[in-house]
């Protein structure tokens, strides 16, 4: 399991609900000058309902596996891969977190296991050649490092 390999947050529900991605996106958005709250983030949760005392694995098998298998099938038919993405739109002042599909042959970033990637698109870094940061996004090493904070400062200075 991902949790046994320390690839998830301590509370797996936080990862699967999308709130881990939402929180990281909100931190980055605030560093970019947006004044938003977590309640302002539009989150597309992988969980159909709160877990609250339910067996997480049973809930996933019963209500998530089927719809996710269909999404994976549809993406594969189009030659695409699915990623859970946090997106910050500074001009619109909005943040979204949810599943997005990207071309398998040319995804905008390459990640493995618990890696996270931050793609910066701006006047200086257009969509055709964005600046991409990639590194650990979970686990003890990430939590103990200042990588995320340093990355935020660098991103802010680039925009």
C-alpha atoms as a PDB file:
ATOM      1  CA  UNK A   1       0.000   0.000   0.000  1.00  0.00           C
ATOM      2  CA  UNK A   2       1.030   3.582  -0.612  1.00  0.00           C
ATOM      3  CA  UNK A   3       0.709   4.371   3.094  1.00  0.00           C
ATOM      4  CA  UNK A   4       3.174   1.591   3.974  1.00  0.00           C
ATOM      5  CA  UNK A   5       5.692   3.149   1.555  1.00  0.00           C
ATOM      6  CA  UNK A   6       5.120   6.602   3.147  1.00  0.00           C
ATOM      7  CA  UNK A   7       3.745   7.959  -0.131  1.00  0.00           C
ATOM      8  CA  UNK A   8       0.593   9.436   1.399  1.00  0.00           C
ATOM      9  CA  UNK A   9      -0.240  11.924   4.104  1.00  0.00           C
ATOM     10  CA  UNK A  10      -0.574  10.473   7.606  1.00  0.00           C
ATOM     11  CA  UNK A  11      -4.321  10.596   7.049  1.00  0.00           C
ATOM     12  CA  UNK A  12      -4.982   8.937   3.659  1.00  0.00           C
ATOM     13  CA  UNK A  13      -8.397  10.575   3.537  1.00  0.00           C
ATOM     14  CA  UNK A  14      -6.656  13.957   3.233  1.00  0.00           C
ATOM     15  CA  UNK A  15      -4.862  12.781   0.086  1.00  0.00           C
ATOM     16  CA  UNK A  16      -7.885  11.085  -1.446  1.00  0.00           C
ATOM     17  CA  UNK A  17     -10.229  13.969  -0.666  1.00  0.00           C
ATOM     18  CA  UNK A  18      -7.919  16.351  -2.508  1.00  0.00           C
ATOM     19  CA  UNK A  19      -7.392  18.582   0.504  1.00  0.00           C
ATOM     20  CA  UNK A  20      -3.649  17.895   0.689  1.00  0.00           C
ATOM     21  CA  UNK A  21      -3.314  19.228  -2.876  1.00  0.00           C
ATOM     22  CA  UNK A  22      -5.725  22.064  -2.081  1.00  0.00           C
ATOM     23  CA  UNK A  23      -3.667  23.129   0.962  1.00  0.00           C
ATOM     24  CA  UNK A  24      -0.364  23.082  -0.945  1.00  0.00           C
ATOM     25  CA  UNK A  25      -1.966  25.028  -3.793  1.00  0.00           C
ATOM     26  CA  UNK A  26      -3.401  27.550  -1.350  1.00  0.00           C
ATOM     27  CA  UNK A  27       0.018  28.114   0.240  1.00  0.00           C
ATOM     28  CA  UNK A  28       1.545  28.728  -3.179  1.00  0.00           C
ATOM     29  CA  UNK A  29      -1.360  31.013  -4.188  1.00  0.00           C
ATOM     30  CA  UNK A  30      -0.895  33.106  -1.058  1.00  0.00           C
ATOM     31  CA  UNK A  31       2.823  33.420  -1.824  1.00  0.00           C
ATOM     32  CA  UNK A  32       1.784  34.674  -5.266  1.00  0.00           C
ATOM     33  CA  UNK A  33      -0.293  37.396  -3.613  1.00  0.00           C
ATOM     34  CA  UNK A  34      -3.794  35.918  -3.659  1.00  0.00           C
ATOM     35  CA  UNK A  35      -5.912  36.364  -0.542  1.00  0.00           C
ATOM     36  CA  UNK A  36      -7.929  33.161  -0.559  1.00  0.00           C
ATOM     37  CA  UNK A  37      -9.076  30.661   2.051  1.00  0.00           C
ATOM     38  CA  UNK A  38      -9.266  26.876   1.852  1.00  0.00           C
ATOM     39  CA  UNK A  39     -13.027  27.199   1.396  1.00  0.00           C
ATOM     40  CA  UNK A  40     -12.349  29.151  -1.833  1.00  0.00           C
ATOM     41  CA  UNK A  41     -10.579  26.163  -3.443  1.00  0.00           C
ATOM     42  CA  UNK A  42     -12.772  24.151  -5.826  1.00  0.00           C
ATOM     43  CA  UNK A  43     -11.894  20.543  -4.951  1.00  0.00           C
ATOM     44  CA  UNK A  44     -12.877  17.487  -6.984  1.00  0.00           C
ATOM     45  CA  UNK A  45     -12.553  14.792  -4.321  1.00  0.00           C
ATOM     46  CA  UNK A  46     -11.798  11.193  -5.204  1.00  0.00           C
ATOM     47  CA  UNK A  47     -13.973  10.197  -2.245  1.00  0.00           C
ATOM     48  CA  UNK A  48     -17.729  10.204  -2.853  1.00  0.00           C
ATOM     49  CA  UNK A  49     -18.453  10.830   0.828  1.00  0.00           C
ATOM     50  CA  UNK A  50     -16.617  11.492   4.119  1.00  0.00           C
ATOM     51  CA  UNK A  51     -14.980   8.390   5.570  1.00  0.00           C
ATOM     52  CA  UNK A  52     -15.769   9.202   9.235  1.00  0.00           C
ATOM     53  CA  UNK A  53     -15.415   5.834  10.919  1.00  0.00           C
ATOM     54  CA  UNK A  54     -16.012   3.773   7.776  1.00  0.00           C
ATOM     55  CA  UNK A  55     -13.557   1.248   6.388  1.00  0.00           C
ATOM     56  CA  UNK A  56     -11.601   3.309   3.843  1.00  0.00           C
ATOM     57  CA  UNK A  57     -10.559   0.341   1.689  1.00  0.00           C
ATOM     58  CA  UNK A  58     -14.107  -1.016   1.578  1.00  0.00           C
ATOM     59  CA  UNK A  59     -15.440   2.410   0.588  1.00  0.00           C
ATOM     60  CA  UNK A  60     -12.838   2.700  -2.173  1.00  0.00           C
ATOM     61  CA  UNK A  61     -13.645  -0.767  -3.545  1.00  0.00           C
ATOM     62  CA  UNK A  62     -17.380  -0.187  -3.389  1.00  0.00           C
ATOM     63  CA  UNK A  63     -17.699   3.374  -4.683  1.00  0.00           C
ATOM     64  CA  UNK A  64     -14.416   4.557  -6.210  1.00  0.00           C
ATOM     65  CA  UNK A  65     -12.747   1.675  -8.046  1.00  0.00           C
ATOM     66  CA  UNK A  66     -15.421   1.364 -10.750  1.00  0.00           C
ATOM     67  CA  UNK A  67     -15.655   5.060 -11.710  1.00  0.00           C
ATOM     68  CA  UNK A  68     -11.855   5.435 -11.564  1.00  0.00           C
ATOM     69  CA  UNK A  69     -11.335   2.370 -13.763  1.00  0.00           C
ATOM     70  CA  UNK A  70     -13.668   4.003 -16.312  1.00  0.00           C
ATOM     71  CA  UNK A  71     -11.711   7.276 -16.189  1.00  0.00           C
ATOM     72  CA  UNK A  72      -8.441   5.378 -16.677  1.00  0.00           C
ATOM     73  CA  UNK A  73      -9.963   3.436 -19.590  1.00  0.00           C
ATOM     74  CA  UNK A  74     -11.176   6.618 -21.287  1.00  0.00           C
ATOM     75  CA  UNK A  75      -7.801   8.311 -20.818  1.00  0.00           C
ATOM     76  CA  UNK A  76      -5.944   5.265 -22.164  1.00  0.00           C
ATOM     77  CA  UNK A  77      -8.173   5.203 -25.279  1.00  0.00           C
ATOM     78  CA  UNK A  78      -7.131   8.813 -25.931  1.00  0.00           C
ATOM     79  CA  UNK A  79      -3.443   8.056 -25.257  1.00  0.00           C
ATOM     80  CA  UNK A  80      -3.507  10.050 -22.050  1.00  0.00           C
ATOM     81  CA  UNK A  81      -2.538   9.689 -18.383  1.00  0.00           C
ATOM     82  CA  UNK A  82      -4.432  10.941 -15.346  1.00  0.00           C
ATOM     83  CA  UNK A  83      -2.874  13.129 -12.676  1.00  0.00           C
ATOM     84  CA  UNK A  84      -4.347  14.799  -9.612  1.00  0.00           C
ATOM     85  CA  UNK A  85      -3.550  18.469 -10.166  1.00  0.00           C
ATOM     86  CA  UNK A  86      -3.794  21.689  -8.220  1.00  0.00           C
ATOM     87  CA  UNK A  87      -4.174  24.661 -10.571  1.00  0.00           C
ATOM     88  CA  UNK A  88      -3.763  28.311  -9.561  1.00  0.00           C
ATOM     89  CA  UNK A  89      -5.054  30.970 -11.927  1.00  0.00           C
ATOM     90  CA  UNK A  90      -3.580  34.218 -10.605  1.00  0.00           C
ATOM     91  CA  UNK A  91      -5.423  36.591 -13.000  1.00  0.00           C
ATOM     92  CA  UNK A  92      -8.778  34.978 -12.127  1.00  0.00           C
ATOM     93  CA  UNK A  93      -7.873  34.602  -8.443  1.00  0.00           C
ATOM     94  CA  UNK A  94      -8.931  30.965  -8.350  1.00  0.00           C
ATOM     95  CA  UNK A  95      -7.627  27.567  -7.301  1.00  0.00           C
ATOM     96  CA  UNK A  96      -8.877  24.151  -8.396  1.00  0.00           C
ATOM     97  CA  UNK A  97      -7.783  20.654  -7.394  1.00  0.00           C
ATOM     98  CA  UNK A  98      -8.836  17.560  -9.308  1.00  0.00           C
ATOM     99  CA  UNK A  99      -8.049  14.899 -11.868  1.00  0.00           C
ATOM    100  CA  UNK A 100      -6.765  16.085 -15.221  1.00  0.00           C
ATOM    101  CA  UNK A 101      -5.777  14.149 -18.302  1.00  0.00           C
ATOM    102  CA  UNK A 102      -2.504  14.788 -20.155  1.00  0.00           C
ATOM    103  CA  UNK A 103      -0.964  13.256 -23.305  1.00  0.00           C
ATOM    104  CA  UNK A 104       0.992  10.125 -22.324  1.00  0.00           C
ATOM    105  CA  UNK A 105       3.701  10.826 -24.905  1.00  0.00           C
ATOM    106  CA  UNK A 106       4.241  14.403 -23.759  1.00  0.00           C
ATOM    107  CA  UNK A 107       2.997  15.115 -20.227  1.00  0.00           C
ATOM    108  CA  UNK A 108       3.927  18.571 -18.932  1.00  0.00           C
ATOM    109  CA  UNK A 109       5.885  16.979 -16.072  1.00  0.00           C
ATOM    110  CA  UNK A 110       7.319  13.614 -15.079  1.00  0.00           C
ATOM    111  CA  UNK A 111       6.588  12.356 -11.580  1.00  0.00           C
ATOM    112  CA  UNK A 112       7.067   9.089  -9.747  1.00  0.00           C
ATOM    113  CA  UNK A 113       5.560   7.705  -6.555  1.00  0.00           C
ATOM    114  CA  UNK A 114       5.085  10.647  -4.162  1.00  0.00           C
ATOM    115  CA  UNK A 115       6.774  13.278  -6.318  1.00  0.00           C
ATOM    116  CA  UNK A 116       5.077  16.567  -6.854  1.00  0.00           C
ATOM    117  CA  UNK A 117       5.621  18.969  -9.703  1.00  0.00           C
ATOM    118  CA  UNK A 118       4.952  22.668  -9.911  1.00  0.00           C
ATOM    119  CA  UNK A 119       4.625  24.136 -13.381  1.00  0.00           C
ATOM    120  CA  UNK A 120       5.016  27.895 -13.709  1.00  0.00           C
ATOM    121  CA  UNK A 121       3.361  29.527 -16.712  1.00  0.00           C
ATOM    122  CA  UNK A 122       3.834  33.276 -17.026  1.00  0.00           C
ATOM    123  CA  UNK A 123       4.891  35.896 -19.561  1.00  0.00           C
ATOM    124  CA  UNK A 124       8.474  34.845 -18.975  1.00  0.00           C
ATOM    125  CA  UNK A 125       7.627  31.118 -19.089  1.00  0.00           C
ATOM    126  CA  UNK A 126       4.861  30.566 -21.676  1.00  0.00           C
ATOM    127  CA  UNK A 127       2.791  27.369 -21.826  1.00  0.00           C
ATOM    128  CA  UNK A 128       5.017  26.053 -24.628  1.00  0.00           C
ATOM    129  CA  UNK A 129       8.108  26.178 -22.368  1.00  0.00           C
ATOM    130  CA  UNK A 130       6.979  26.371 -18.724  1.00  0.00           C
ATOM    131  CA  UNK A 131       9.316  26.283 -15.762  1.00  0.00           C
ATOM    132  CA  UNK A 132       8.832  22.980 -13.907  1.00  0.00           C
ATOM    133  CA  UNK A 133       9.988  22.125 -10.388  1.00  0.00           C
ATOM    134  CA  UNK A 134       9.858  18.477  -9.397  1.00  0.00           C
ATOM    135  CA  UNK A 135      10.705  16.774  -6.130  1.00  0.00           C
ATOM    136  CA  UNK A 136       9.353  14.817  -3.180  1.00  0.00           C
ATOM    137  CA  UNK A 137       5.807  15.771  -2.248  1.00  0.00           C
ATOM    138  CA  UNK A 138       5.246  13.472   0.724  1.00  0.00           C
ATOM    139  CA  UNK A 139       7.068  11.386   3.257  1.00  0.00           C
ATOM    140  CA  UNK A 140       9.366  12.173   6.157  1.00  0.00           C
ATOM    141  CA  UNK A 141      12.127  13.661   4.018  1.00  0.00           C
ATOM    142  CA  UNK A 142       9.752  16.142   2.416  1.00  0.00           C
ATOM    143  CA  UNK A 143       8.066  17.107   5.659  1.00  0.00           C
ATOM    144  CA  UNK A 144      11.424  17.752   7.316  1.00  0.00           C
ATOM    145  CA  UNK A 145      12.855  19.813   4.464  1.00  0.00           C
ATOM    146  CA  UNK A 146      12.422  23.422   3.543  1.00  0.00           C
ATOM    147  CA  UNK A 147      12.144  22.467  -0.146  1.00  0.00           C
ATOM    148  CA  UNK A 148       8.534  23.548  -0.475  1.00  0.00           C
ATOM    149  CA  UNK A 149       9.118  26.908   1.220  1.00  0.00           C
ATOM    150  CA  UNK A 150      12.207  27.553  -0.895  1.00  0.00           C
ATOM    151  CA  UNK A 151      10.328  26.658  -4.047  1.00  0.00           C
ATOM    152  CA  UNK A 152       7.563  29.096  -3.115  1.00  0.00           C
ATOM    153  CA  UNK A 153      10.033  31.939  -2.720  1.00  0.00           C
ATOM    154  CA  UNK A 154      11.661  31.132  -6.070  1.00  0.00           C
ATOM    155  CA  UNK A 155       8.286  30.943  -7.868  1.00  0.00           C
ATOM    156  CA  UNK A 156       7.208  34.276  -6.461  1.00  0.00           C
ATOM    157  CA  UNK A 157      10.386  35.977  -7.648  1.00  0.00           C
ATOM    158  CA  UNK A 158       9.949  34.551 -11.157  1.00  0.00           C
ATOM    159  CA  UNK A 159       6.465  35.940 -11.720  1.00  0.00           C
END
